[in-house]
């Protein structure tokens, strides 16, 4: 891959706002882009509510690789230029500690029974994905029953760690986040409850490095980036 011809003569340092569930993918893709382009990335990972705050705080940033839910906030959307580009998407699932019995989650009724039977369930609530999981509990009419057994985490990457360590019996979140050492996927959400969370890329309207920011978004749409996204459990585009 060669991006040097697309970059400005002077290398830029790009401040990136990114969804926490993109961490594993961007930690691999970021350095590849840096090596090829000469630009440098300073990535701030956060959940959707915090990303909205960051985008609207007035603090300068150059681009976002964020859940599409960020763009549904009018004030946040106004801080981005142009039309957001779909980068990747991923659905929801349930994970257990490696070697543990895997509950049946193939139907809404089975998922409901598995969640009610679990002694503890972990998720990252301060995010669009966490919000969808909580709404799913409501749809299954178990929101109240789940409250006492929830083990909220401070970041997406803490979910598989909590399951692997035995802190939580089940992890319920985006399937790419649930992948990790000592953890196994029990299965995806049943089709009736499944939903893809879409991550989009967009240049900040006030960026002074718009060309370089766009180059990174363009890179995330390349076959090389698609291969990494797939390897990290996401569907490109």
C-alpha atoms as a PDB file:
ATOM      1  CA  UNK A   1       0.000   0.000   0.000  1.00  0.00           C
ATOM      2  CA  UNK A   2       1.252   3.463  -0.868  1.00  0.00           C
ATOM      3  CA  UNK A   3      -0.508   6.533   0.430  1.00  0.00           C
ATOM      4  CA  UNK A   4       2.345   9.025   0.360  1.00  0.00           C
ATOM      5  CA  UNK A   5       1.238  10.551  -2.932  1.00  0.00           C
ATOM      6  CA  UNK A   6      -2.173  11.295  -1.434  1.00  0.00           C
ATOM      7  CA  UNK A   7      -0.808  12.994   1.682  1.00  0.00           C
ATOM      8  CA  UNK A   8       0.123  16.653   2.083  1.00  0.00           C
ATOM      9  CA  UNK A   9       3.837  17.514   1.882  1.00  0.00           C
ATOM     10  CA  UNK A  10       3.855  17.993   5.660  1.00  0.00           C
ATOM     11  CA  UNK A  11       2.804  15.050   7.782  1.00  0.00           C
ATOM     12  CA  UNK A  12      -0.219  15.750   9.963  1.00  0.00           C
ATOM     13  CA  UNK A  13      -1.116  14.584  13.451  1.00  0.00           C
ATOM     14  CA  UNK A  14      -4.753  13.585  13.316  1.00  0.00           C
ATOM     15  CA  UNK A  15      -6.993  13.568  16.362  1.00  0.00           C
ATOM     16  CA  UNK A  16      -9.523  10.768  15.912  1.00  0.00           C
ATOM     17  CA  UNK A  17     -12.708  10.145  17.886  1.00  0.00           C
ATOM     18  CA  UNK A  18     -13.491   6.425  17.762  1.00  0.00           C
ATOM     19  CA  UNK A  19     -16.054   4.011  19.116  1.00  0.00           C
ATOM     20  CA  UNK A  20     -14.628   1.812  21.841  1.00  0.00           C
ATOM     21  CA  UNK A  21     -15.687  -1.338  20.010  1.00  0.00           C
ATOM     22  CA  UNK A  22     -13.376  -0.362  17.134  1.00  0.00           C
ATOM     23  CA  UNK A  23     -10.331  -0.525  19.430  1.00  0.00           C
ATOM     24  CA  UNK A  24      -8.924  -3.886  18.322  1.00  0.00           C
ATOM     25  CA  UNK A  25      -9.309  -3.058  14.622  1.00  0.00           C
ATOM     26  CA  UNK A  26      -7.868   0.454  14.806  1.00  0.00           C
ATOM     27  CA  UNK A  27      -4.951  -0.612  16.991  1.00  0.00           C
ATOM     28  CA  UNK A  28      -3.826  -2.710  14.040  1.00  0.00           C
ATOM     29  CA  UNK A  29      -4.940  -0.459  11.196  1.00  0.00           C
ATOM     30  CA  UNK A  30      -3.694   2.810  12.718  1.00  0.00           C
ATOM     31  CA  UNK A  31       0.024   1.917  12.696  1.00  0.00           C
ATOM     32  CA  UNK A  32      -0.269   0.529   9.167  1.00  0.00           C
ATOM     33  CA  UNK A  33      -1.720   3.833   7.961  1.00  0.00           C
ATOM     34  CA  UNK A  34       0.938   5.784   9.836  1.00  0.00           C
ATOM     35  CA  UNK A  35       3.761   3.809   8.243  1.00  0.00           C
ATOM     36  CA  UNK A  36       2.330   4.183   4.752  1.00  0.00           C
ATOM     37  CA  UNK A  37       1.291   7.838   4.939  1.00  0.00           C
ATOM     38  CA  UNK A  38       3.694   9.516   7.322  1.00  0.00           C
ATOM     39  CA  UNK A  39       0.759  10.951   9.272  1.00  0.00           C
ATOM     40  CA  UNK A  40       0.283  10.273  12.976  1.00  0.00           C
ATOM     41  CA  UNK A  41      -2.934   9.315  14.745  1.00  0.00           C
ATOM     42  CA  UNK A  42      -4.035  10.260  18.240  1.00  0.00           C
ATOM     43  CA  UNK A  43      -7.127   8.130  18.823  1.00  0.00           C
ATOM     44  CA  UNK A  44      -9.605   8.789  21.625  1.00  0.00           C
ATOM     45  CA  UNK A  45     -11.865   5.778  22.246  1.00  0.00           C
ATOM     46  CA  UNK A  46     -15.224   6.244  23.967  1.00  0.00           C
ATOM     47  CA  UNK A  47     -18.841   5.149  24.079  1.00  0.00           C
ATOM     48  CA  UNK A  48     -21.544   6.977  22.126  1.00  0.00           C
ATOM     49  CA  UNK A  49     -22.657   9.433  24.868  1.00  0.00           C
ATOM     50  CA  UNK A  50     -19.043  10.454  25.528  1.00  0.00           C
ATOM     51  CA  UNK A  51     -18.285  10.718  21.796  1.00  0.00           C
ATOM     52  CA  UNK A  52     -21.203  13.131  21.412  1.00  0.00           C
ATOM     53  CA  UNK A  53     -19.835  15.214  24.275  1.00  0.00           C
ATOM     54  CA  UNK A  54     -16.346  15.214  22.785  1.00  0.00           C
ATOM     55  CA  UNK A  55     -17.575  16.180  19.313  1.00  0.00           C
ATOM     56  CA  UNK A  56     -19.643  19.066  20.650  1.00  0.00           C
ATOM     57  CA  UNK A  57     -17.204  20.298  23.328  1.00  0.00           C
ATOM     58  CA  UNK A  58     -15.376  22.691  21.029  1.00  0.00           C
ATOM     59  CA  UNK A  59     -12.100  20.800  21.479  1.00  0.00           C
ATOM     60  CA  UNK A  60     -10.490  20.379  18.039  1.00  0.00           C
ATOM     61  CA  UNK A  61     -10.514  16.978  16.326  1.00  0.00           C
ATOM     62  CA  UNK A  62      -9.982  15.844  12.752  1.00  0.00           C
ATOM     63  CA  UNK A  63     -12.276  12.907  12.122  1.00  0.00           C
ATOM     64  CA  UNK A  64     -14.514  10.327  13.691  1.00  0.00           C
ATOM     65  CA  UNK A  65     -14.845   6.562  13.279  1.00  0.00           C
ATOM     66  CA  UNK A  66     -17.960   6.285  15.379  1.00  0.00           C
ATOM     67  CA  UNK A  67     -21.246   4.437  15.827  1.00  0.00           C
ATOM     68  CA  UNK A  68     -23.862   5.821  13.458  1.00  0.00           C
ATOM     69  CA  UNK A  69     -25.855   6.719  16.576  1.00  0.00           C
ATOM     70  CA  UNK A  70     -23.461   9.651  17.097  1.00  0.00           C
ATOM     71  CA  UNK A  71     -24.708  11.107  13.819  1.00  0.00           C
ATOM     72  CA  UNK A  72     -28.298  10.877  15.026  1.00  0.00           C
ATOM     73  CA  UNK A  73     -27.512  13.640  17.498  1.00  0.00           C
ATOM     74  CA  UNK A  74     -28.055  16.909  15.602  1.00  0.00           C
ATOM     75  CA  UNK A  75     -25.410  18.880  17.484  1.00  0.00           C
ATOM     76  CA  UNK A  76     -22.789  16.169  16.982  1.00  0.00           C
ATOM     77  CA  UNK A  77     -23.712  15.685  13.316  1.00  0.00           C
ATOM     78  CA  UNK A  78     -23.171  19.399  12.739  1.00  0.00           C
ATOM     79  CA  UNK A  79     -19.505  19.050  13.720  1.00  0.00           C
ATOM     80  CA  UNK A  80     -18.840  16.705  10.778  1.00  0.00           C
ATOM     81  CA  UNK A  81     -18.555  17.625   7.108  1.00  0.00           C
ATOM     82  CA  UNK A  82     -20.008  15.736   4.164  1.00  0.00           C
ATOM     83  CA  UNK A  83     -21.747  12.385   4.154  1.00  0.00           C
ATOM     84  CA  UNK A  84     -20.506   9.781   6.651  1.00  0.00           C
ATOM     85  CA  UNK A  85     -18.985   6.672   5.054  1.00  0.00           C
ATOM     86  CA  UNK A  86     -19.894   3.203   6.329  1.00  0.00           C
ATOM     87  CA  UNK A  87     -16.725   1.573   7.678  1.00  0.00           C
ATOM     88  CA  UNK A  88     -17.883  -1.648   9.362  1.00  0.00           C
ATOM     89  CA  UNK A  89     -20.789  -3.311  11.074  1.00  0.00           C
ATOM     90  CA  UNK A  90     -21.238  -6.043  13.661  1.00  0.00           C
ATOM     91  CA  UNK A  91     -24.072  -7.816  15.431  1.00  0.00           C
ATOM     92  CA  UNK A  92     -24.752  -8.936  18.992  1.00  0.00           C
ATOM     93  CA  UNK A  93     -24.149 -12.172  20.816  1.00  0.00           C
ATOM     94  CA  UNK A  94     -23.564 -13.977  24.102  1.00  0.00           C
ATOM     95  CA  UNK A  95     -20.222 -15.270  25.390  1.00  0.00           C
ATOM     96  CA  UNK A  96     -19.228 -17.681  28.152  1.00  0.00           C
ATOM     97  CA  UNK A  97     -15.976 -18.641  29.834  1.00  0.00           C
ATOM     98  CA  UNK A  98     -13.973 -21.091  27.726  1.00  0.00           C
ATOM     99  CA  UNK A  99     -14.971 -24.637  28.584  1.00  0.00           C
ATOM    100  CA  UNK A 100     -18.232 -23.648  30.260  1.00  0.00           C
ATOM    101  CA  UNK A 101     -21.548 -25.034  29.070  1.00  0.00           C
ATOM    102  CA  UNK A 102     -22.960 -22.869  26.298  1.00  0.00           C
ATOM    103  CA  UNK A 103     -26.585 -21.868  26.793  1.00  0.00           C
ATOM    104  CA  UNK A 104     -29.053 -22.108  23.931  1.00  0.00           C
ATOM    105  CA  UNK A 105     -29.642 -18.580  22.593  1.00  0.00           C
ATOM    106  CA  UNK A 106     -31.100 -19.507  19.196  1.00  0.00           C
ATOM    107  CA  UNK A 107     -34.605 -18.157  19.848  1.00  0.00           C
ATOM    108  CA  UNK A 108     -35.932 -15.214  21.856  1.00  0.00           C
ATOM    109  CA  UNK A 109     -37.432 -17.629  24.379  1.00  0.00           C
ATOM    110  CA  UNK A 110     -34.152 -19.511  24.729  1.00  0.00           C
ATOM    111  CA  UNK A 111     -32.150 -16.300  25.107  1.00  0.00           C
ATOM    112  CA  UNK A 112     -34.589 -15.079  27.753  1.00  0.00           C
ATOM    113  CA  UNK A 113     -34.263 -18.331  29.681  1.00  0.00           C
ATOM    114  CA  UNK A 114     -30.455 -18.236  29.461  1.00  0.00           C
ATOM    115  CA  UNK A 115     -30.306 -14.660  30.749  1.00  0.00           C
ATOM    116  CA  UNK A 116     -32.685 -15.389  33.618  1.00  0.00           C
ATOM    117  CA  UNK A 117     -30.708 -18.498  34.580  1.00  0.00           C
ATOM    118  CA  UNK A 118     -27.357 -16.708  34.622  1.00  0.00           C
ATOM    119  CA  UNK A 119     -26.057 -15.548  38.004  1.00  0.00           C
ATOM    120  CA  UNK A 120     -24.266 -12.543  36.482  1.00  0.00           C
ATOM    121  CA  UNK A 121     -24.145 -10.759  33.123  1.00  0.00           C
ATOM    122  CA  UNK A 122     -21.606  -8.185  31.963  1.00  0.00           C
ATOM    123  CA  UNK A 123     -21.827  -5.439  29.333  1.00  0.00           C
ATOM    124  CA  UNK A 124     -20.613  -1.892  28.627  1.00  0.00           C
ATOM    125  CA  UNK A 125     -23.731   0.202  29.218  1.00  0.00           C
ATOM    126  CA  UNK A 126     -22.338   3.659  28.330  1.00  0.00           C
ATOM    127  CA  UNK A 127     -22.507   2.987  24.605  1.00  0.00           C
ATOM    128  CA  UNK A 128     -24.921   2.563  21.729  1.00  0.00           C
ATOM    129  CA  UNK A 129     -24.302  -1.187  21.862  1.00  0.00           C
ATOM    130  CA  UNK A 130     -24.938  -1.326  25.584  1.00  0.00           C
ATOM    131  CA  UNK A 131     -28.113   0.657  25.073  1.00  0.00           C
ATOM    132  CA  UNK A 132     -29.308  -1.873  22.522  1.00  0.00           C
ATOM    133  CA  UNK A 133     -28.596  -4.757  24.909  1.00  0.00           C
ATOM    134  CA  UNK A 134     -30.622  -3.049  27.633  1.00  0.00           C
ATOM    135  CA  UNK A 135     -33.469  -2.455  25.159  1.00  0.00           C
ATOM    136  CA  UNK A 136     -33.325  -6.147  24.276  1.00  0.00           C
ATOM    137  CA  UNK A 137     -33.826  -6.986  27.945  1.00  0.00           C
ATOM    138  CA  UNK A 138     -36.891  -4.736  27.855  1.00  0.00           C
ATOM    139  CA  UNK A 139     -38.196  -6.458  24.729  1.00  0.00           C
ATOM    140  CA  UNK A 140     -37.813  -9.800  26.501  1.00  0.00           C
ATOM    141  CA  UNK A 141     -39.638  -8.351  29.527  1.00  0.00           C
ATOM    142  CA  UNK A 142     -36.731  -9.112  31.872  1.00  0.00           C
ATOM    143  CA  UNK A 143     -35.268  -5.631  32.422  1.00  0.00           C
ATOM    144  CA  UNK A 144     -36.131  -5.561  36.121  1.00  0.00           C
ATOM    145  CA  UNK A 145     -34.973  -9.126  36.692  1.00  0.00           C
ATOM    146  CA  UNK A 146     -31.593  -8.356  35.098  1.00  0.00           C
ATOM    147  CA  UNK A 147     -30.750  -5.283  37.180  1.00  0.00           C
ATOM    148  CA  UNK A 148     -29.380  -7.130  40.204  1.00  0.00           C
ATOM    149  CA  UNK A 149     -27.143  -9.417  38.155  1.00  0.00           C
ATOM    150  CA  UNK A 150     -25.573  -6.855  35.810  1.00  0.00           C
ATOM    151  CA  UNK A 151     -21.816  -6.262  36.024  1.00  0.00           C
ATOM    152  CA  UNK A 152     -21.185  -3.011  34.098  1.00  0.00           C
ATOM    153  CA  UNK A 153     -17.699  -2.516  32.636  1.00  0.00           C
ATOM    154  CA  UNK A 154     -15.808   0.741  32.052  1.00  0.00           C
ATOM    155  CA  UNK A 155     -14.709  -0.204  28.526  1.00  0.00           C
ATOM    156  CA  UNK A 156     -15.733  -2.783  25.896  1.00  0.00           C
ATOM    157  CA  UNK A 157     -12.462  -4.692  26.208  1.00  0.00           C
ATOM    158  CA  UNK A 158     -13.184  -5.370  29.871  1.00  0.00           C
ATOM    159  CA  UNK A 159     -16.211  -7.525  28.980  1.00  0.00           C
ATOM    160  CA  UNK A 160     -14.337 -10.635  27.789  1.00  0.00           C
ATOM    161  CA  UNK A 161     -11.855 -10.234  30.667  1.00  0.00           C
ATOM    162  CA  UNK A 162     -14.722 -10.301  33.167  1.00  0.00           C
ATOM    163  CA  UNK A 163     -16.130 -13.449  31.577  1.00  0.00           C
ATOM    164  CA  UNK A 164     -12.739 -15.163  31.345  1.00  0.00           C
ATOM    165  CA  UNK A 165     -11.960 -14.416  35.002  1.00  0.00           C
ATOM    166  CA  UNK A 166     -15.328 -15.675  36.226  1.00  0.00           C
ATOM    167  CA  UNK A 167     -16.463 -12.242  37.412  1.00  0.00           C
ATOM    168  CA  UNK A 168     -19.465 -12.649  35.122  1.00  0.00           C
ATOM    169  CA  UNK A 169     -21.143 -15.811  33.863  1.00  0.00           C
ATOM    170  CA  UNK A 170     -22.266 -14.290  30.554  1.00  0.00           C
ATOM    171  CA  UNK A 171     -21.029 -11.442  28.377  1.00  0.00           C
ATOM    172  CA  UNK A 172     -23.699  -9.811  26.204  1.00  0.00           C
ATOM    173  CA  UNK A 173     -22.468  -7.342  23.626  1.00  0.00           C
ATOM    174  CA  UNK A 174     -21.135  -6.964  20.073  1.00  0.00           C
ATOM    175  CA  UNK A 175     -19.669 -10.252  18.897  1.00  0.00           C
ATOM    176  CA  UNK A 176     -16.319  -8.750  17.853  1.00  0.00           C
ATOM    177  CA  UNK A 177     -15.805  -7.435  21.386  1.00  0.00           C
ATOM    178  CA  UNK A 178     -16.723 -10.782  22.938  1.00  0.00           C
ATOM    179  CA  UNK A 179     -13.769 -12.470  21.231  1.00  0.00           C
ATOM    180  CA  UNK A 180     -10.826 -12.856  23.576  1.00  0.00           C
ATOM    181  CA  UNK A 181      -8.569 -15.282  25.440  1.00  0.00           C
ATOM    182  CA  UNK A 182     -10.484 -17.573  27.747  1.00  0.00           C
ATOM    183  CA  UNK A 183     -13.853 -16.709  26.198  1.00  0.00           C
ATOM    184  CA  UNK A 184     -16.116 -18.538  23.741  1.00  0.00           C
ATOM    185  CA  UNK A 185     -19.160 -17.308  21.849  1.00  0.00           C
ATOM    186  CA  UNK A 186     -22.290 -19.164  22.888  1.00  0.00           C
ATOM    187  CA  UNK A 187     -23.996 -17.752  19.819  1.00  0.00           C
ATOM    188  CA  UNK A 188     -25.352 -14.637  18.140  1.00  0.00           C
ATOM    189  CA  UNK A 189     -28.663 -13.083  19.098  1.00  0.00           C
ATOM    190  CA  UNK A 190     -31.629 -14.811  17.430  1.00  0.00           C
ATOM    191  CA  UNK A 191     -32.663 -13.240  14.132  1.00  0.00           C
ATOM    192  CA  UNK A 192     -35.764 -11.645  15.660  1.00  0.00           C
ATOM    193  CA  UNK A 193     -33.574  -9.640  18.058  1.00  0.00           C
ATOM    194  CA  UNK A 194     -30.426  -9.216  15.982  1.00  0.00           C
ATOM    195  CA  UNK A 195     -29.276  -5.805  14.810  1.00  0.00           C
ATOM    196  CA  UNK A 196     -26.058  -4.556  13.215  1.00  0.00           C
ATOM    197  CA  UNK A 197     -24.300  -1.628  14.842  1.00  0.00           C
ATOM    198  CA  UNK A 198     -22.791   0.402  12.009  1.00  0.00           C
ATOM    199  CA  UNK A 199     -19.584   2.403  12.433  1.00  0.00           C
ATOM    200  CA  UNK A 200     -19.117   5.363  10.099  1.00  0.00           C
ATOM    201  CA  UNK A 201     -16.218   7.629   9.214  1.00  0.00           C
ATOM    202  CA  UNK A 202     -16.443  11.380   8.671  1.00  0.00           C
ATOM    203  CA  UNK A 203     -14.072  14.338   8.586  1.00  0.00           C
ATOM    204  CA  UNK A 204     -14.573  17.061  11.202  1.00  0.00           C
ATOM    205  CA  UNK A 205     -15.991  20.234   9.685  1.00  0.00           C
ATOM    206  CA  UNK A 206     -13.368  22.335  11.467  1.00  0.00           C
ATOM    207  CA  UNK A 207     -10.377  20.083  10.758  1.00  0.00           C
ATOM    208  CA  UNK A 208      -7.242  21.848   9.550  1.00  0.00           C
ATOM    209  CA  UNK A 209      -6.024  18.494   8.225  1.00  0.00           C
ATOM    210  CA  UNK A 210      -9.060  17.550   6.149  1.00  0.00           C
ATOM    211  CA  UNK A 211      -7.108  15.948   3.290  1.00  0.00           C
ATOM    212  CA  UNK A 212      -5.124  13.730   5.651  1.00  0.00           C
ATOM    213  CA  UNK A 213      -8.261  12.881   7.632  1.00  0.00           C
ATOM    214  CA  UNK A 214     -10.026  11.856   4.435  1.00  0.00           C
ATOM    215  CA  UNK A 215      -7.001   9.742   3.492  1.00  0.00           C
ATOM    216  CA  UNK A 216      -7.424   7.724   6.679  1.00  0.00           C
ATOM    217  CA  UNK A 217     -11.129   7.217   6.052  1.00  0.00           C
ATOM    218  CA  UNK A 218     -10.326   6.162   2.473  1.00  0.00           C
ATOM    219  CA  UNK A 219      -7.741   3.726   3.817  1.00  0.00           C
ATOM    220  CA  UNK A 220     -10.369   2.109   6.055  1.00  0.00           C
ATOM    221  CA  UNK A 221     -12.239   1.223   2.852  1.00  0.00           C
ATOM    222  CA  UNK A 222      -9.294  -0.574   1.212  1.00  0.00           C
ATOM    223  CA  UNK A 223      -9.035  -4.355   0.781  1.00  0.00           C
ATOM    224  CA  UNK A 224      -6.157  -4.377   3.285  1.00  0.00           C
ATOM    225  CA  UNK A 225      -8.331  -2.727   5.924  1.00  0.00           C
ATOM    226  CA  UNK A 226     -11.270  -4.993   5.056  1.00  0.00           C
ATOM    227  CA  UNK A 227      -9.114  -8.056   5.727  1.00  0.00           C
ATOM    228  CA  UNK A 228      -8.198  -6.756   9.190  1.00  0.00           C
ATOM    229  CA  UNK A 229     -11.792  -5.823  10.010  1.00  0.00           C
ATOM    230  CA  UNK A 230     -12.931  -9.326   9.049  1.00  0.00           C
ATOM    231  CA  UNK A 231     -10.159 -10.885  11.138  1.00  0.00           C
ATOM    232  CA  UNK A 232     -11.358  -8.810  14.095  1.00  0.00           C
ATOM    233  CA  UNK A 233     -14.916 -10.110  13.707  1.00  0.00           C
ATOM    234  CA  UNK A 234     -16.470  -7.192  11.822  1.00  0.00           C
ATOM    235  CA  UNK A 235     -18.151  -6.953   8.431  1.00  0.00           C
ATOM    236  CA  UNK A 236     -16.491  -4.231   6.312  1.00  0.00           C
ATOM    237  CA  UNK A 237     -18.591  -1.495   4.724  1.00  0.00           C
END
